[in-house]
N, C-alpha and C. Protein backbone atom coordinates (compact mmCIF):
# COMPACT_ATOMS: atom_id res chain seq x y z
N MET A 1 -23.70 7.94 -27.01
CA MET A 1 -22.50 8.26 -26.26
C MET A 1 -22.56 7.63 -24.88
N VAL A 2 -23.70 7.80 -24.19
CA VAL A 2 -23.83 7.25 -22.83
C VAL A 2 -23.83 5.73 -22.92
N LEU A 3 -24.47 5.16 -23.93
CA LEU A 3 -24.51 3.72 -24.08
C LEU A 3 -23.12 3.18 -24.31
N ARG A 4 -22.31 3.86 -25.15
CA ARG A 4 -20.96 3.41 -25.44
C ARG A 4 -20.09 3.42 -24.15
N VAL A 5 -20.23 4.46 -23.35
CA VAL A 5 -19.47 4.52 -22.08
C VAL A 5 -19.93 3.44 -21.14
N PHE A 6 -21.24 3.20 -21.10
CA PHE A 6 -21.79 2.16 -20.22
C PHE A 6 -21.30 0.76 -20.66
N ILE A 7 -21.36 0.46 -21.92
CA ILE A 7 -20.93 -0.85 -22.44
C ILE A 7 -19.43 -1.02 -22.22
N ALA A 8 -18.64 0.02 -22.44
CA ALA A 8 -17.20 -0.06 -22.25
C ALA A 8 -16.91 -0.31 -20.77
N GLY A 9 -17.57 0.40 -19.91
CA GLY A 9 -17.35 0.19 -18.44
C GLY A 9 -17.81 -1.21 -18.02
N LEU A 10 -18.86 -1.67 -18.55
CA LEU A 10 -19.37 -3.02 -18.24
C LEU A 10 -18.36 -4.06 -18.68
N MET A 11 -17.83 -3.97 -19.90
CA MET A 11 -16.90 -4.93 -20.40
C MET A 11 -15.58 -4.85 -19.63
N TYR A 12 -15.14 -3.68 -19.25
CA TYR A 12 -13.92 -3.54 -18.46
C TYR A 12 -14.13 -4.18 -17.10
N GLY A 13 -15.24 -3.95 -16.47
CA GLY A 13 -15.54 -4.54 -15.16
C GLY A 13 -15.61 -6.09 -15.20
N LEU A 14 -16.24 -6.61 -16.29
CA LEU A 14 -16.35 -8.04 -16.43
C LEU A 14 -14.98 -8.71 -16.62
N THR A 15 -14.19 -8.14 -17.53
CA THR A 15 -12.87 -8.78 -17.80
C THR A 15 -11.95 -8.67 -16.58
N LEU A 16 -11.99 -7.51 -15.91
CA LEU A 16 -11.16 -7.34 -14.73
C LEU A 16 -11.69 -8.27 -13.62
N GLY A 17 -12.97 -8.46 -13.50
CA GLY A 17 -13.52 -9.36 -12.49
C GLY A 17 -13.18 -10.81 -12.77
N ILE A 18 -13.19 -11.21 -14.01
CA ILE A 18 -12.84 -12.60 -14.40
C ILE A 18 -11.36 -12.86 -14.08
N VAL A 19 -10.50 -11.92 -14.44
CA VAL A 19 -9.06 -12.11 -14.19
C VAL A 19 -8.78 -12.09 -12.68
N ALA A 20 -9.40 -11.23 -11.94
CA ALA A 20 -9.23 -11.20 -10.48
C ALA A 20 -9.73 -12.49 -9.86
N THR A 21 -10.86 -13.02 -10.33
CA THR A 21 -11.40 -14.28 -9.76
C THR A 21 -10.47 -15.43 -10.05
N ILE A 22 -9.96 -15.51 -11.28
CA ILE A 22 -9.04 -16.62 -11.64
C ILE A 22 -7.76 -16.51 -10.76
N SER A 23 -7.21 -15.33 -10.63
CA SER A 23 -6.05 -15.12 -9.83
C SER A 23 -6.31 -15.50 -8.38
N PHE A 24 -7.45 -15.13 -7.87
CA PHE A 24 -7.84 -15.46 -6.46
C PHE A 24 -7.86 -16.98 -6.24
N PHE A 25 -8.49 -17.69 -7.18
CA PHE A 25 -8.59 -19.14 -7.04
C PHE A 25 -7.23 -19.83 -7.24
N MET A 26 -6.36 -19.23 -8.05
CA MET A 26 -5.01 -19.79 -8.19
C MET A 26 -4.25 -19.67 -6.90
N VAL A 27 -4.36 -18.62 -6.16
CA VAL A 27 -3.70 -18.45 -4.86
C VAL A 27 -4.23 -19.45 -3.87
N ILE A 28 -5.51 -19.69 -3.89
CA ILE A 28 -6.17 -20.63 -2.96
C ILE A 28 -5.74 -22.05 -3.25
N PHE A 29 -5.81 -22.49 -4.49
CA PHE A 29 -5.67 -23.88 -4.80
C PHE A 29 -4.30 -24.35 -5.27
N ARG A 30 -3.44 -23.43 -5.69
CA ARG A 30 -2.10 -23.87 -6.14
C ARG A 30 -1.23 -24.08 -4.86
N GLN A 31 -0.45 -25.11 -4.96
CA GLN A 31 0.41 -25.48 -3.83
C GLN A 31 1.48 -24.44 -3.55
N ASP A 32 1.98 -23.80 -4.63
CA ASP A 32 3.06 -22.81 -4.43
C ASP A 32 2.51 -21.39 -4.21
N LYS A 33 1.17 -21.23 -4.24
CA LYS A 33 0.47 -19.94 -3.95
C LYS A 33 0.84 -18.85 -4.90
N ARG A 34 1.11 -19.16 -6.18
CA ARG A 34 1.46 -18.18 -7.19
C ARG A 34 0.18 -17.81 -7.99
N SER A 35 0.01 -16.53 -8.28
CA SER A 35 -1.15 -16.10 -9.08
C SER A 35 -0.65 -15.70 -10.46
N LEU A 36 -1.55 -15.07 -11.23
CA LEU A 36 -1.20 -14.74 -12.59
C LEU A 36 -0.03 -13.75 -12.69
N HIS A 37 -0.03 -12.74 -11.83
CA HIS A 37 1.09 -11.74 -11.94
C HIS A 37 2.42 -12.36 -11.50
N ASP A 38 2.39 -13.34 -10.58
CA ASP A 38 3.61 -14.05 -10.20
C ASP A 38 4.15 -14.90 -11.39
N LEU A 39 3.23 -15.56 -12.08
CA LEU A 39 3.64 -16.37 -13.19
C LEU A 39 4.17 -15.53 -14.35
N MET A 40 3.52 -14.40 -14.64
CA MET A 40 3.96 -13.55 -15.73
C MET A 40 5.30 -12.89 -15.44
N ALA A 41 5.53 -12.51 -14.16
CA ALA A 41 6.76 -11.88 -13.83
C ALA A 41 7.86 -12.80 -13.40
N ALA A 42 7.56 -14.12 -13.41
CA ALA A 42 8.49 -15.16 -13.02
C ALA A 42 9.03 -14.95 -11.58
N THR A 43 8.13 -14.54 -10.69
CA THR A 43 8.48 -14.40 -9.28
C THR A 43 7.86 -15.54 -8.47
N TYR A 44 8.19 -15.59 -7.22
CA TYR A 44 7.64 -16.61 -6.37
C TYR A 44 7.32 -16.01 -4.98
N VAL A 45 6.56 -16.77 -4.22
CA VAL A 45 6.17 -16.36 -2.90
C VAL A 45 7.12 -17.01 -1.91
N LYS A 46 7.76 -16.21 -1.06
CA LYS A 46 8.68 -16.73 -0.05
C LYS A 46 8.06 -16.52 1.32
N ARG A 47 7.91 -17.59 2.05
CA ARG A 47 7.33 -17.53 3.37
C ARG A 47 8.43 -17.47 4.43
N LEU A 48 8.28 -16.54 5.37
CA LEU A 48 9.19 -16.45 6.51
C LEU A 48 8.48 -16.79 7.79
N ASP A 49 9.15 -17.43 8.68
CA ASP A 49 8.56 -17.72 9.99
C ASP A 49 8.54 -16.42 10.81
N PRO A 50 7.41 -15.93 11.22
CA PRO A 50 7.32 -14.65 11.96
C PRO A 50 8.17 -14.63 13.21
N VAL A 51 8.44 -15.75 13.79
CA VAL A 51 9.23 -15.78 15.04
C VAL A 51 10.69 -15.45 14.76
N LYS A 52 11.19 -15.81 13.60
CA LYS A 52 12.59 -15.60 13.30
C LYS A 52 12.90 -14.19 12.77
N VAL A 53 11.93 -13.39 12.44
CA VAL A 53 12.14 -12.06 11.87
C VAL A 53 12.49 -11.07 12.95
N ASP A 54 13.62 -10.38 12.80
CA ASP A 54 13.99 -9.36 13.78
C ASP A 54 13.26 -8.08 13.46
N SER A 55 12.36 -7.61 14.30
CA SER A 55 11.50 -6.46 13.99
C SER A 55 12.26 -5.17 13.94
N SER A 56 13.46 -5.08 14.53
CA SER A 56 14.23 -3.85 14.52
C SER A 56 14.81 -3.59 13.12
N LYS A 57 14.91 -4.64 12.25
CA LYS A 57 15.43 -4.45 10.93
C LYS A 57 14.38 -4.15 9.92
N LEU A 58 13.11 -4.12 10.31
CA LEU A 58 12.02 -3.87 9.37
C LEU A 58 11.87 -2.42 9.01
N ILE A 59 12.30 -1.53 9.83
CA ILE A 59 12.09 -0.07 9.61
C ILE A 59 13.35 0.57 9.08
C-alpha cells in the first residue's frame, strides 16, 4: 500500500515536472511567449505599455 502511494506520487511529480519544464522553456524561447495552456485554450499574450495604463481604472 505504501509502495503504491509512493510510486503514484513519484509518477505524478515526474509528469507534472516534465510538463511544467516544457511550458517554462516554451515561454522563454517562443517569440510569441505562448505556453502549453495558451496553445490548448487558443489564447494569446497581450503586452501593454505600463506608461499608458490608467491606474484608476484597475480597481
